Every structure is written in C-alpha cells, then in structure tokens.
Amino acid sequence: SKLWTDRLEELWNRPSVASELRRLFERR
C-alpha cells in the first residue's frame, strides 16, 4: 500500500519542532 498521504505532504512542508528550535536559537 502507498504510505504517503496528503497530510504527510502538508507536514513535510510545514515547520516542525526541530526547525522551530533552530529558529529560536537564532533569535537568541
């Protein structure tokens, strides 16, 4: 079965905890 979904596509292109953490360090 195909495991990729539209929701996964959306999340792939959205900020994650890891990416927001990097931005937080940059702001600090």
mmCIF file of all heavy atoms, coordinates in Angstrom:
data_MODEL
# 
_entry.id   MODEL 
# 
loop_
_atom_site.group_PDB 
_atom_site.id 
_atom_site.type_symbol 
_atom_site.label_atom_id 
_atom_site.label_alt_id 
_atom_site.label_comp_id 
_atom_site.label_asym_id 
_atom_site.label_entity_id 
_atom_site.label_seq_id 
_atom_site.pdbx_PDB_ins_code 
_atom_site.Cartn_x 
_atom_site.Cartn_y 
_atom_site.Cartn_z 
_atom_site.occupancy 
_atom_site.B_iso_or_equiv 
_atom_site.pdbx_formal_charge 
_atom_site.auth_seq_id 
_atom_site.auth_comp_id 
_atom_site.auth_asym_id 
_atom_site.auth_atom_id 
_atom_site.pdbx_PDB_model_num 
ATOM 1   N N   . SER A 1 1  ? 0.850  -1.185 0.000  1.00 0.00 ? 1  SER A N   1 
ATOM 2   C CA  . SER A 1 1  ? 0.000  0.000  0.000  1.00 0.00 ? 1  SER A CA  1 
ATOM 3   C C   . SER A 1 1  ? 0.887  1.237  0.000  1.00 0.00 ? 1  SER A C   1 
ATOM 4   O O   . SER A 1 1  ? 2.011  1.206  0.510  1.00 0.00 ? 1  SER A O   1 
ATOM 5   C CB  . SER A 1 1  ? -0.925 0.025  1.222  1.00 0.00 ? 1  SER A CB  1 
ATOM 6   O OG  . SER A 1 1  ? -0.172 0.103  2.413  1.00 0.00 ? 1  SER A OG  1 
ATOM 7   N N   . LYS A 1 2  ? 0.368  2.312  -0.581 1.00 0.00 ? 2  LYS A N   1 
ATOM 8   C CA  . LYS A 1 2  ? 1.112  3.559  -0.588 1.00 0.00 ? 2  LYS A CA  1 
ATOM 9   C C   . LYS A 1 2  ? 0.947  4.229  0.763  1.00 0.00 ? 2  LYS A C   1 
ATOM 10  O O   . LYS A 1 2  ? -0.169 4.466  1.222  1.00 0.00 ? 2  LYS A O   1 
ATOM 11  C CB  . LYS A 1 2  ? 0.615  4.472  -1.708 1.00 0.00 ? 2  LYS A CB  1 
ATOM 12  C CG  . LYS A 1 2  ? 1.475  5.719  -1.898 1.00 0.00 ? 2  LYS A CG  1 
ATOM 13  C CD  . LYS A 1 2  ? 1.061  6.481  -3.148 1.00 0.00 ? 2  LYS A CD  1 
ATOM 14  C CE  . LYS A 1 2  ? 1.960  7.682  -3.383 1.00 0.00 ? 2  LYS A CE  1 
ATOM 15  N NZ  . LYS A 1 2  ? 1.609  8.387  -4.631 1.00 0.00 ? 2  LYS A NZ  1 
ATOM 16  N N   . LEU A 1 3  ? 2.065  4.555  1.404  1.00 0.00 ? 3  LEU A N   1 
ATOM 17  C CA  . LEU A 1 3  ? 2.043  5.056  2.767  1.00 0.00 ? 3  LEU A CA  1 
ATOM 18  C C   . LEU A 1 3  ? 1.995  6.579  2.838  1.00 0.00 ? 3  LEU A C   1 
ATOM 19  O O   . LEU A 1 3  ? 1.655  7.135  3.880  1.00 0.00 ? 3  LEU A O   1 
ATOM 20  C CB  . LEU A 1 3  ? 3.272  4.538  3.524  1.00 0.00 ? 3  LEU A CB  1 
ATOM 21  C CG  . LEU A 1 3  ? 3.469  3.015  3.496  1.00 0.00 ? 3  LEU A CG  1 
ATOM 22  C CD1 . LEU A 1 3  ? 4.751  2.624  4.215  1.00 0.00 ? 3  LEU A CD1 1 
ATOM 23  C CD2 . LEU A 1 3  ? 2.279  2.304  4.112  1.00 0.00 ? 3  LEU A CD2 1 
ATOM 24  N N   . TRP A 1 4  ? 2.356  7.238  1.756  1.00 0.00 ? 4  TRP A N   1 
ATOM 25  C CA  . TRP A 1 4  ? 2.369  8.700  1.727  1.00 0.00 ? 4  TRP A CA  1 
ATOM 26  C C   . TRP A 1 4  ? 0.947  9.223  1.594  1.00 0.00 ? 4  TRP A C   1 
ATOM 27  O O   . TRP A 1 4  ? 0.142  8.693  0.843  1.00 0.00 ? 4  TRP A O   1 
ATOM 28  C CB  . TRP A 1 4  ? 3.217  9.187  0.567  1.00 0.00 ? 4  TRP A CB  1 
ATOM 29  C CG  . TRP A 1 4  ? 3.561  10.647 0.616  1.00 0.00 ? 4  TRP A CG  1 
ATOM 30  C CD1 . TRP A 1 4  ? 3.074  11.643 -0.178 1.00 0.00 ? 4  TRP A CD1 1 
ATOM 31  C CD2 . TRP A 1 4  ? 4.506  11.281 1.499  1.00 0.00 ? 4  TRP A CD2 1 
ATOM 32  N NE1 . TRP A 1 4  ? 3.629  12.849 0.156  1.00 0.00 ? 4  TRP A NE1 1 
ATOM 33  C CE2 . TRP A 1 4  ? 4.520  12.662 1.182  1.00 0.00 ? 4  TRP A CE2 1 
ATOM 34  C CE3 . TRP A 1 4  ? 5.325  10.819 2.519  1.00 0.00 ? 4  TRP A CE3 1 
ATOM 35  C CZ2 . TRP A 1 4  ? 5.326  13.575 1.852  1.00 0.00 ? 4  TRP A CZ2 1 
ATOM 36  C CZ3 . TRP A 1 4  ? 6.125  11.723 3.194  1.00 0.00 ? 4  TRP A CZ3 1 
ATOM 37  C CH2 . TRP A 1 4  ? 6.123  13.090 2.846  1.00 0.00 ? 4  TRP A CH2 1 
ATOM 38  N N   . THR A 1 5  ? 0.621  10.259 2.364  1.00 0.00 ? 5  THR A N   1 
ATOM 39  C CA  . THR A 1 5  ? -0.715 10.841 2.339  1.00 0.00 ? 5  THR A CA  1 
ATOM 40  C C   . THR A 1 5  ? -0.616 12.352 2.138  1.00 0.00 ? 5  THR A C   1 
ATOM 41  O O   . THR A 1 5  ? 0.459  12.945 2.280  1.00 0.00 ? 5  THR A O   1 
ATOM 42  C CB  . THR A 1 5  ? -1.461 10.575 3.666  1.00 0.00 ? 5  THR A CB  1 
ATOM 43  O OG1 . THR A 1 5  ? -0.770 11.253 4.733  1.00 0.00 ? 5  THR A OG1 1 
ATOM 44  C CG2 . THR A 1 5  ? -1.531 9.080  3.973  1.00 0.00 ? 5  THR A CG2 1 
ATOM 45  N N   . ASP A 1 6  ? -1.742 12.962 1.826  1.00 0.00 ? 6  ASP A N   1 
ATOM 46  C CA  . ASP A 1 6  ? -1.765 14.430 1.691  1.00 0.00 ? 6  ASP A CA  1 
ATOM 47  C C   . ASP A 1 6  ? -1.378 15.103 2.993  1.00 0.00 ? 6  ASP A C   1 
ATOM 48  O O   . ASP A 1 6  ? -0.726 16.150 2.992  1.00 0.00 ? 6  ASP A O   1 
ATOM 49  C CB  . ASP A 1 6  ? -3.165 14.884 1.265  1.00 0.00 ? 6  ASP A CB  1 
ATOM 50  C CG  . ASP A 1 6  ? -3.510 14.466 -0.163 1.00 0.00 ? 6  ASP A CG  1 
ATOM 51  O OD1 . ASP A 1 6  ? -2.581 14.132 -0.934 1.00 0.00 ? 6  ASP A OD1 1 
ATOM 52  O OD2 . ASP A 1 6  ? -4.702 14.476 -0.497 1.00 0.00 ? 6  ASP A OD2 1 
ATOM 53  N N   . ARG A 1 7  ? -1.773 14.505 4.121  1.00 0.00 ? 7  ARG A N   1 
ATOM 54  C CA  . ARG A 1 7  ? -1.428 15.076 5.421  1.00 0.00 ? 7  ARG A CA  1 
ATOM 55  C C   . ARG A 1 7  ? 0.082  15.036 5.641  1.00 0.00 ? 7  ARG A C   1 
ATOM 56  O O   . ARG A 1 7  ? 0.673  16.002 6.149  1.00 0.00 ? 7  ARG A O   1 
ATOM 57  C CB  . ARG A 1 7  ? -2.154 14.302 6.520  1.00 0.00 ? 7  ARG A CB  1 
ATOM 58  C CG  . ARG A 1 7  ? -1.752 14.663 7.941  1.00 0.00 ? 7  ARG A CG  1 
ATOM 59  C CD  . ARG A 1 7  ? -2.093 16.099 8.284  1.00 0.00 ? 7  ARG A CD  1 
ATOM 60  N NE  . ARG A 1 7  ? -1.821 16.365 9.697  1.00 0.00 ? 7  ARG A NE  1 
ATOM 61  C CZ  . ARG A 1 7  ? -1.747 17.583 10.219 1.00 0.00 ? 7  ARG A CZ  1 
ATOM 62  N NH1 . ARG A 1 7  ? -1.908 18.648 9.466  1.00 0.00 ? 7  ARG A NH1 1 
ATOM 63  N NH2 . ARG A 1 7  ? -1.506 17.748 11.511 1.00 0.00 ? 7  ARG A NH2 1 
ATOM 64  N N   . LEU A 1 8  ? 0.739  13.946 5.246  1.00 0.00 ? 8  LEU A N   1 
ATOM 65  C CA  . LEU A 1 8  ? 2.191  13.861 5.385  1.00 0.00 ? 8  LEU A CA  1 
ATOM 66  C C   . LEU A 1 8  ? 2.874  14.886 4.480  1.00 0.00 ? 8  LEU A C   1 
ATOM 67  O O   . LEU A 1 8  ? 3.874  15.500 4.872  1.00 0.00 ? 8  LEU A O   1 
ATOM 68  C CB  . LEU A 1 8  ? 2.682  12.452 5.067  1.00 0.00 ? 8  LEU A CB  1 
ATOM 69  C CG  . LEU A 1 8  ? 2.244  11.349 6.043  1.00 0.00 ? 8  LEU A CG  1 
ATOM 70  C CD1 . LEU A 1 8  ? 2.818  10.006 5.614  1.00 0.00 ? 8  LEU A CD1 1 
ATOM 71  C CD2 . LEU A 1 8  ? 2.650  11.673 7.471  1.00 0.00 ? 8  LEU A CD2 1 
ATOM 72  N N   . GLU A 1 9  ? 2.340  15.078 3.299  1.00 0.00 ? 9  GLU A N   1 
ATOM 73  C CA  . GLU A 1 9  ? 2.887  16.100 2.395  1.00 0.00 ? 9  GLU A CA  1 
ATOM 74  C C   . GLU A 1 9  ? 2.789  17.482 3.033  1.00 0.00 ? 9  GLU A C   1 
ATOM 75  O O   . GLU A 1 9  ? 3.740  18.283 2.981  1.00 0.00 ? 9  GLU A O   1 
ATOM 76  C CB  . GLU A 1 9  ? 2.112  16.086 1.076  1.00 0.00 ? 9  GLU A CB  1 
ATOM 77  C CG  . GLU A 1 9  ? 2.529  17.153 0.079  1.00 0.00 ? 9  GLU A CG  1 
ATOM 78  C CD  . GLU A 1 9  ? 3.855  16.855 -0.586 1.00 0.00 ? 9  GLU A CD  1 
ATOM 79  O OE1 . GLU A 1 9  ? 4.197  15.670 -0.718 1.00 0.00 ? 9  GLU A OE1 1 
ATOM 80  O OE2 . GLU A 1 9  ? 4.545  17.817 -0.986 1.00 0.00 ? 9  GLU A OE2 1 
ATOM 81  N N   . GLU A 1 10 ? 1.646  17.750 3.647  1.00 0.00 ? 10 GLU A N   1 
ATOM 82  C CA  . GLU A 1 10 ? 1.455  19.044 4.315  1.00 0.00 ? 10 GLU A CA  1 
ATOM 83  C C   . GLU A 1 10 ? 2.465  19.230 5.443  1.00 0.00 ? 10 GLU A C   1 
ATOM 84  O O   . GLU A 1 10 ? 3.093  20.289 5.574  1.00 0.00 ? 10 GLU A O   1 
ATOM 85  C CB  . GLU A 1 10 ? 0.027  19.118 4.873  1.00 0.00 ? 10 GLU A CB  1 
ATOM 86  C CG  . GLU A 1 10 ? -0.262 20.373 5.675  1.00 0.00 ? 10 GLU A CG  1 
ATOM 87  C CD  . GLU A 1 10 ? -1.565 20.293 6.436  1.00 0.00 ? 10 GLU A CD  1 
ATOM 88  O OE1 . GLU A 1 10 ? -2.346 19.345 6.210  1.00 0.00 ? 10 GLU A OE1 1 
ATOM 89  O OE2 . GLU A 1 10 ? -1.806 21.172 7.289  1.00 0.00 ? 10 GLU A OE2 1 
ATOM 90  N N   . LEU A 1 11 ? 2.625  18.190 6.274  1.00 0.00 ? 11 LEU A N   1 
ATOM 91  C CA  . LEU A 1 11 ? 3.537  18.300 7.415  1.00 0.00 ? 11 LEU A CA  1 
ATOM 92  C C   . LEU A 1 11 ? 4.990  18.387 6.971  1.00 0.00 ? 11 LEU A C   1 
ATOM 93  O O   . LEU A 1 11 ? 5.804  19.055 7.618  1.00 0.00 ? 11 LEU A O   1 
ATOM 94  C CB  . LEU A 1 11 ? 3.342  17.109 8.354  1.00 0.00 ? 11 LEU A CB  1 
ATOM 95  C CG  . LEU A 1 11 ? 2.023  17.067 9.119  1.00 0.00 ? 11 LEU A CG  1 
ATOM 96  C CD1 . LEU A 1 11 ? 1.909  15.789 9.934  1.00 0.00 ? 11 LEU A CD1 1 
ATOM 97  C CD2 . LEU A 1 11 ? 1.876  18.286 10.021 1.00 0.00 ? 11 LEU A CD2 1 
ATOM 98  N N   . TRP A 1 12 ? 5.328  17.722 5.881  1.00 0.00 ? 12 TRP A N   1 
ATOM 99  C CA  . TRP A 1 12 ? 6.699  17.775 5.371  1.00 0.00 ? 12 TRP A CA  1 
ATOM 100 C C   . TRP A 1 12 ? 7.092  19.214 5.046  1.00 0.00 ? 12 TRP A C   1 
ATOM 101 O O   . TRP A 1 12 ? 8.241  19.611 5.235  1.00 0.00 ? 12 TRP A O   1 
ATOM 102 C CB  . TRP A 1 12 ? 6.819  16.889 4.143  1.00 0.00 ? 12 TRP A CB  1 
ATOM 103 C CG  . TRP A 1 12 ? 8.206  16.807 3.560  1.00 0.00 ? 12 TRP A CG  1 
ATOM 104 C CD1 . TRP A 1 12 ? 8.799  17.680 2.692  1.00 0.00 ? 12 TRP A CD1 1 
ATOM 105 C CD2 . TRP A 1 12 ? 9.186  15.793 3.820  1.00 0.00 ? 12 TRP A CD2 1 
ATOM 106 N NE1 . TRP A 1 12 ? 10.075 17.278 2.383  1.00 0.00 ? 12 TRP A NE1 1 
ATOM 107 C CE2 . TRP A 1 12 ? 10.338 16.121 3.059  1.00 0.00 ? 12 TRP A CE2 1 
ATOM 108 C CE3 . TRP A 1 12 ? 9.194  14.642 4.606  1.00 0.00 ? 12 TRP A CE3 1 
ATOM 109 C CZ2 . TRP A 1 12 ? 11.488 15.331 3.068  1.00 0.00 ? 12 TRP A CZ2 1 
ATOM 110 C CZ3 . TRP A 1 12 ? 10.336 13.854 4.612  1.00 0.00 ? 12 TRP A CZ3 1 
ATOM 111 C CH2 . TRP A 1 12 ? 11.462 14.204 3.859  1.00 0.00 ? 12 TRP A CH2 1 
ATOM 112 N N   . ASN A 1 13 ? 6.134  19.974 4.551  1.00 0.00 ? 13 ASN A N   1 
ATOM 113 C CA  . ASN A 1 13 ? 6.413  21.342 4.112  1.00 0.00 ? 13 ASN A CA  1 
ATOM 114 C C   . ASN A 1 13 ? 6.127  22.385 5.189  1.00 0.00 ? 13 ASN A C   1 
ATOM 115 O O   . ASN A 1 13 ? 6.267  23.583 4.925  1.00 0.00 ? 13 ASN A O   1 
ATOM 116 C CB  . ASN A 1 13 ? 5.587  21.657 2.861  1.00 0.00 ? 13 ASN A CB  1 
ATOM 117 C CG  . ASN A 1 13 ? 5.986  20.803 1.676  1.00 0.00 ? 13 ASN A CG  1 
ATOM 118 O OD1 . ASN A 1 13 ? 7.161  20.744 1.317  1.00 0.00 ? 13 ASN A OD1 1 
ATOM 119 N ND2 . ASN A 1 13 ? 5.028  20.122 1.062  1.00 0.00 ? 13 ASN A ND2 1 
ATOM 120 N N   . ARG A 1 14 ? 5.738  21.941 6.362  1.00 0.00 ? 14 ARG A N   1 
ATOM 121 C CA  . ARG A 1 14 ? 5.448  22.866 7.458  1.00 0.00 ? 14 ARG A CA  1 
ATOM 122 C C   . ARG A 1 14 ? 6.576  22.864 8.478  1.00 0.00 ? 14 ARG A C   1 
ATOM 123 O O   . ARG A 1 14 ? 7.374  21.926 8.544  1.00 0.00 ? 14 ARG A O   1 
ATOM 124 C CB  . ARG A 1 14 ? 4.147  22.452 8.154  1.00 0.00 ? 14 ARG A CB  1 
ATOM 125 C CG  . ARG A 1 14 ? 2.886  22.946 7.462  1.00 0.00 ? 14 ARG A CG  1 
ATOM 126 C CD  . ARG A 1 14 ? 1.660  22.444 8.187  1.00 0.00 ? 14 ARG A CD  1 
ATOM 127 N NE  . ARG A 1 14 ? 1.761  22.618 9.640  1.00 0.00 ? 14 ARG A NE  1 
ATOM 128 C CZ  . ARG A 1 14 ? 0.876  22.127 10.509 1.00 0.00 ? 14 ARG A CZ  1 
ATOM 129 N NH1 . ARG A 1 14 ? -0.155 21.427 10.073 1.00 0.00 ? 14 ARG A NH1 1 
ATOM 130 N NH2 . ARG A 1 14 ? 1.031  22.320 11.806 1.00 0.00 ? 14 ARG A NH2 1 
ATOM 131 N N   . PRO A 1 15 ? 6.661  23.908 9.310  1.00 0.00 ? 15 PRO A N   1 
ATOM 132 C CA  . PRO A 1 15 ? 7.646  23.904 10.393 1.00 0.00 ? 15 PRO A CA  1 
ATOM 133 C C   . PRO A 1 15 ? 7.426  22.734 11.343 1.00 0.00 ? 15 PRO A C   1 
ATOM 134 O O   . PRO A 1 15 ? 6.294  22.290 11.558 1.00 0.00 ? 15 PRO A O   1 
ATOM 135 C CB  . PRO A 1 15 ? 7.402  25.237 11.097 1.00 0.00 ? 15 PRO A CB  1 
ATOM 136 C CG  . PRO A 1 15 ? 6.757  26.105 10.078 1.00 0.00 ? 15 PRO A CG  1 
ATOM 137 C CD  . PRO A 1 15 ? 5.910  25.185 9.243  1.00 0.00 ? 15 PRO A CD  1 
ATOM 138 N N   . SER A 1 16 ? 8.512  22.238 11.903 1.00 0.00 ? 16 SER A N   1 
ATOM 139 C CA  . SER A 1 16 ? 8.471  21.153 12.868 1.00 0.00 ? 16 SER A CA  1 
ATOM 140 C C   . SER A 1 16 ? 9.056  21.644 14.189 1.00 0.00 ? 16 SER A C   1 
ATOM 141 O O   . SER A 1 16 ? 9.528  22.787 14.290 1.00 0.00 ? 16 SER A O   1 
ATOM 142 C CB  . SER A 1 16 ? 9.283  19.965 12.360 1.00 0.00 ? 16 SER A CB  1 
ATOM 143 O OG  . SER A 1 16 ? 10.668 20.325 12.287 1.00 0.00 ? 16 SER A OG  1 
ATOM 144 N N   . VAL A 1 17 ? 9.049  20.790 15.186 1.00 0.00 ? 17 VAL A N   1 
ATOM 145 C CA  . VAL A 1 17 ? 9.688  21.146 16.451 1.00 0.00 ? 17 VAL A CA  1 
ATOM 146 C C   . VAL A 1 17 ? 11.169 21.433 16.211 1.00 0.00 ? 17 VAL A C   1 
ATOM 147 O O   . VAL A 1 17 ? 11.715 22.417 16.728 1.00 0.00 ? 17 VAL A O   1 
ATOM 148 C CB  . VAL A 1 17 ? 9.520  20.010 17.484 1.00 0.00 ? 17 VAL A CB  1 
ATOM 149 C CG1 . VAL A 1 17 ? 10.320 20.312 18.751 1.00 0.00 ? 17 VAL A CG1 1 
ATOM 150 C CG2 . VAL A 1 17 ? 8.049  19.798 17.815 1.00 0.00 ? 17 VAL A CG2 1 
ATOM 151 N N   . ALA A 1 18 ? 11.824 20.604 15.409 1.00 0.00 ? 18 ALA A N   1 
ATOM 152 C CA  . ALA A 1 18 ? 13.258 20.787 15.151 1.00 0.00 ? 18 ALA A CA  1 
ATOM 153 C C   . ALA A 1 18 ? 13.542 22.096 14.433 1.00 0.00 ? 18 ALA A C   1 
ATOM 154 O O   . ALA A 1 18 ? 14.480 22.829 14.794 1.00 0.00 ? 18 ALA A O   1 
ATOM 155 C CB  . ALA A 1 18 ? 13.788 19.612 14.331 1.00 0.00 ? 18 ALA A CB  1 
ATOM 156 N N   . SER A 1 19 ? 12.746 22.424 13.419 1.00 0.00 ? 19 SER A N   1 
ATOM 157 C CA  . SER A 1 19 ? 13.013 23.661 12.670 1.00 0.00 ? 19 SER A CA  1 
ATOM 158 C C   . SER A 1 19 ? 12.715 24.899 13.513 1.00 0.00 ? 19 SER A C   1 
ATOM 159 O O   . SER A 1 19 ? 13.433 25.898 13.449 1.00 0.00 ? 19 SER A O   1 
ATOM 160 C CB  . SER A 1 19 ? 12.199 23.687 11.366 1.00 0.00 ? 19 SER A CB  1 
ATOM 161 O OG  . SER A 1 19 ? 10.807 23.752 11.620 1.00 0.00 ? 19 SER A OG  1 
ATOM 162 N N   . GLU A 1 20 ? 11.651 24.844 14.335 1.00 0.00 ? 20 GLU A N   1 
ATOM 163 C CA  . GLU A 1 20 ? 11.344 25.982 15.199 1.00 0.00 ? 20 GLU A CA  1 
ATOM 164 C C   . GLU A 1 20 ? 12.377 26.120 16.311 1.00 0.00 ? 20 GLU A C   1 
ATOM 165 O O   . GLU A 1 20 ? 12.666 27.239 16.762 1.00 0.00 ? 20 GLU A O   1 
ATOM 166 C CB  . GLU A 1 20 ? 9.946  25.838 15.795 1.00 0.00 ? 20 GLU A CB  1 
ATOM 167 C CG  . GLU A 1 20 ? 8.812  26.064 14.800 1.00 0.00 ? 20 GLU A CG  1 
ATOM 168 C CD  . GLU A 1 20 ? 8.829  27.465 14.201 1.00 0.00 ? 20 GLU A CD  1 
ATOM 169 O OE1 . GLU A 1 20 ? 9.309  28.413 14.861 1.00 0.00 ? 20 GLU A OE1 1 
ATOM 170 O OE2 . GLU A 1 20 ? 8.353  27.607 13.056 1.00 0.00 ? 20 GLU A OE2 1 
ATOM 171 N N   . LEU A 1 21 ? 12.948 25.011 16.740 1.00 0.00 ? 21 LEU A N   1 
ATOM 172 C CA  . LEU A 1 21 ? 14.020 25.086 17.730 1.00 0.00 ? 21 LEU A CA  1 
ATOM 173 C C   . LEU A 1 21 ? 15.221 25.826 17.150 1.00 0.00 ? 21 LEU A C   1 
ATOM 174 O O   . LEU A 1 21 ? 15.820 26.680 17.822 1.00 0.00 ? 21 LEU A O   1 
ATOM 175 C CB  . LEU A 1 21 ? 14.430 23.685 18.173 1.00 0.00 ? 21 LEU A CB  1 
ATOM 176 C CG  . LEU A 1 21 ? 15.573 23.613 19.185 1.00 0.00 ? 21 LEU A CG  1 
ATOM 177 C CD1 . LEU A 1 21 ? 15.130 24.147 20.539 1.00 0.00 ? 21 LEU A CD1 1 
ATOM 178 C CD2 . LEU A 1 21 ? 16.095 22.183 19.314 1.00 0.00 ? 21 LEU A CD2 1 
ATOM 179 N N   . ARG A 1 22 ? 15.574 25.526 15.910 1.00 0.00 ? 22 ARG A N   1 
ATOM 180 C CA  . ARG A 1 22 ? 16.709 26.221 15.275 1.00 0.00 ? 22 ARG A CA  1 
ATOM 181 C C   . ARG A 1 22 ? 16.437 27.712 15.161 1.00 0.00 ? 22 ARG A C   1 
ATOM 182 O O   . ARG A 1 22 ? 17.322 28.539 15.406 1.00 0.00 ? 22 ARG A O   1 
ATOM 183 C CB  . ARG A 1 22 ? 16.984 25.607 13.898 1.00 0.00 ? 22 ARG A CB  1 
ATOM 184 C CG  . ARG A 1 22 ? 17.603 24.215 13.952 1.00 0.00 ? 22 ARG A CG  1 
ATOM 185 C CD  . ARG A 1 22 ? 18.108 23.773 12.602 1.00 0.00 ? 22 ARG A CD  1 
ATOM 186 N NE  . ARG A 1 22 ? 17.019 23.523 11.659 1.00 0.00 ? 22 ARG A NE  1 
ATOM 187 C CZ  . ARG A 1 22 ? 16.419 22.351 11.517 1.00 0.00 ? 22 ARG A CZ  1 
ATOM 188 N NH1 . ARG A 1 22 ? 16.789 21.308 12.257 1.00 0.00 ? 22 ARG A NH1 1 
ATOM 189 N NH2 . ARG A 1 22 ? 15.449 22.185 10.642 1.00 0.00 ? 22 ARG A NH2 1 
ATOM 190 N N   . ARG A 1 23 ? 15.209 28.067 14.807 1.00 0.00 ? 23 ARG A N   1 
ATOM 191 C CA  . ARG A 1 23 ? 14.865 29.498 14.702 1.00 0.00 ? 23 ARG A CA  1 
ATOM 192 C C   . ARG A 1 23 ? 14.924 30.176 16.064 1.00 0.00 ? 23 ARG A C   1 
ATOM 193 O O   . ARG A 1 23 ? 15.335 31.334 16.173 1.00 0.00 ? 23 ARG A O   1 
ATOM 194 C CB  . ARG A 1 23 ? 13.476 29.638 14.089 1.00 0.00 ? 23 ARG A CB  1 
ATOM 195 C CG  . ARG A 1 23 ? 13.400 29.204 12.625 1.00 0.00 ? 23 ARG A CG  1 
ATOM 196 C CD  . ARG A 1 23 ? 12.044 29.553 12.013 1.00 0.00 ? 23 ARG A CD  1 
ATOM 197 N NE  . ARG A 1 23 ? 11.964 29.122 10.628 1.00 0.00 ? 23 ARG A NE  1 
ATOM 198 C CZ  . ARG A 1 23 ? 11.401 27.985 10.224 1.00 0.00 ? 23 ARG A CZ  1 
ATOM 199 N NH1 . ARG A 1 23 ? 10.840 27.181 11.121 1.00 0.00 ? 23 ARG A NH1 1 
ATOM 200 N NH2 . ARG A 1 23 ? 11.382 27.661 8.951  1.00 0.00 ? 23 ARG A NH2 1 
ATOM 201 N N   . LEU A 1 24 ? 14.522 29.452 17.100 1.00 0.00 ? 24 LEU A N   1 
ATOM 202 C CA  . LEU A 1 24 ? 14.582 30.002 18.453 1.00 0.00 ? 24 LEU A CA  1 
ATOM 203 C C   . LEU A 1 24 ? 16.027 30.299 18.842 1.00 0.00 ? 24 LEU A C   1 
ATOM 204 O O   . LEU A 1 24 ? 16.329 31.373 19.378 1.00 0.00 ? 24 LEU A O   1 
ATOM 205 C CB  . LEU A 1 24 ? 13.952 29.021 19.440 1.00 0.00 ? 24 LEU A CB  1 
ATOM 206 C CG  . LEU A 1 24 ? 14.055 29.383 20.927 1.00 0.00 ? 24 LEU A CG  1 
ATOM 207 C CD1 . LEU A 1 24 ? 13.345 30.701 21.230 1.00 0.00 ? 24 LEU A CD1 1 
ATOM 208 C CD2 . LEU A 1 24 ? 13.468 28.249 21.789 1.00 0.00 ? 24 LEU A CD2 1 
ATOM 209 N N   . PHE A 1 25 ? 16.943 29.397 18.564 1.00 0.00 ? 25 PHE A N   1 
ATOM 210 C CA  . PHE A 1 25 ? 18.356 29.629 18.868 1.00 0.00 ? 25 PHE A CA  1 
ATOM 211 C C   . PHE A 1 25 ? 18.883 30.823 18.074 1.00 0.00 ? 25 PHE A C   1 
ATOM 212 O O   . PHE A 1 25 ? 19.666 31.636 18.600 1.00 0.00 ? 25 PHE A O   1 
ATOM 213 C CB  . PHE A 1 25 ? 19.175 28.378 18.559 1.00 0.00 ? 25 PHE A CB  1 
ATOM 214 C CG  . PHE A 1 25 ? 19.210 27.373 19.682 1.00 0.00 ? 25 PHE A CG  1 
ATOM 215 C CD1 . PHE A 1 25 ? 18.363 26.272 19.683 1.00 0.00 ? 25 PHE A CD1 1 
ATOM 216 C CD2 . PHE A 1 25 ? 20.077 27.546 20.745 1.00 0.00 ? 25 PHE A CD2 1 
ATOM 217 C CE1 . PHE A 1 25 ? 18.399 25.354 20.708 1.00 0.00 ? 25 PHE A CE1 1 
ATOM 218 C CE2 . PHE A 1 25 ? 20.125 26.633 21.789 1.00 0.00 ? 25 PHE A CE2 1 
ATOM 219 C CZ  . PHE A 1 25 ? 19.269 25.531 21.774 1.00 0.00 ? 25 PHE A CZ  1 
ATOM 220 N N   . GLU A 1 26 ? 18.466 30.924 16.826 1.00 0.00 ? 26 GLU A N   1 
ATOM 221 C CA  . GLU A 1 26 ? 18.913 32.056 16.005 1.00 0.00 ? 26 GLU A CA  1 
ATOM 222 C C   . GLU A 1 26 ? 18.421 33.374 16.587 1.00 0.00 ? 26 GLU A C   1 
ATOM 223 O O   . GLU A 1 26 ? 19.182 34.357 16.636 1.00 0.00 ? 26 GLU A O   1 
ATOM 224 C CB  . GLU A 1 26 ? 18.410 31.878 14.566 1.00 0.00 ? 26 GLU A CB  1 
ATOM 225 C CG  . GLU A 1 26 ? 19.094 30.736 13.811 1.00 0.00 ? 26 GLU A CG  1 
ATOM 226 C CD  . GLU A 1 26 ? 18.403 30.423 12.500 1.00 0.00 ? 26 GLU A CD  1 
ATOM 227 O OE1 . GLU A 1 26 ? 17.410 31.126 12.158 1.00 0.00 ? 26 GLU A OE1 1 
ATOM 228 O OE2 . GLU A 1 26 ? 18.832 29.467 11.813 1.00 0.00 ? 26 GLU A OE2 1 
ATOM 229 N N   . ARG A 1 27 ? 17.167 33.405 17.036 1.00 0.00 ? 27 ARG A N   1 
ATOM 230 C CA  . ARG A 1 27 ? 16.649 34.641 17.618 1.00 0.00 ? 27 ARG A CA  1 
ATOM 231 C C   . ARG A 1 27 ? 17.383 35.001 18.901 1.00 0.00 ? 27 ARG A C   1 
ATOM 232 O O   . ARG A 1 27 ? 17.568 36.188 19.202 1.00 0.00 ? 27 ARG A O   1 
ATOM 233 C CB  . ARG A 1 27 ? 15.137 34.506 17.894 1.00 0.00 ? 27 ARG A CB  1 
ATOM 234 C CG  . ARG A 1 27 ? 14.276 34.460 16.664 1.00 0.00 ? 27 ARG A CG  1 
ATOM 235 C CD  . ARG A 1 27 ? 12.804 34.670 16.996 1.00 0.00 ? 27 ARG A CD  1 
ATOM 236 N NE  . ARG A 1 27 ? 12.254 33.674 17.892 1.00 0.00 ? 27 ARG A NE  1 
ATOM 237 C CZ  . ARG A 1 27 ? 11.725 32.516 17.496 1.00 0.00 ? 27 ARG A CZ  1 
ATOM 238 N NH1 . ARG A 1 27 ? 11.698 32.206 16.205 1.00 0.00 ? 27 ARG A NH1 1 
ATOM 239 N NH2 . ARG A 1 27 ? 11.219 31.660 18.380 1.00 0.00 ? 27 ARG A NH2 1 
ATOM 240 N N   . ARG A 1 28 ? 17.780 33.997 19.661 1.00 0.00 ? 28 ARG A N   1 
ATOM 241 C CA  . ARG A 1 28 ? 18.509 34.250 20.904 1.00 0.00 ? 28 ARG A CA  1 
ATOM 242 C C   . ARG A 1 28 ? 19.988 34.572 20.640 1.00 0.00 ? 28 ARG A C   1 
ATOM 243 O O   . ARG A 1 28 ? 20.686 35.028 21.539 1.00 0.00 ? 28 ARG A O   1 
ATOM 244 C CB  . ARG A 1 28 ? 18.413 33.045 21.829 1.00 0.00 ? 28 ARG A CB  1 
ATOM 245 C CG  . ARG A 1 28 ? 17.024 32.785 22.391 1.00 0.00 ? 28 ARG A CG  1 
ATOM 246 C CD  . ARG A 1 28 ? 16.682 33.738 23.529 1.00 0.00 ? 28 ARG A CD  1 
ATOM 247 N NE  . ARG A 1 28 ? 15.453 33.336 24.194 1.00 0.00 ? 28 ARG A NE  1 
ATOM 248 C CZ  . ARG A 1 28 ? 15.415 32.621 25.314 1.00 0.00 ? 28 ARG A CZ  1 
ATOM 249 N NH1 . ARG A 1 28 ? 16.532 32.254 25.911 1.00 0.00 ? 28 ARG A NH1 1 
ATOM 250 N NH2 . ARG A 1 28 ? 14.251 32.285 25.834 1.00 0.00 ? 28 ARG A NH2 1 
# 
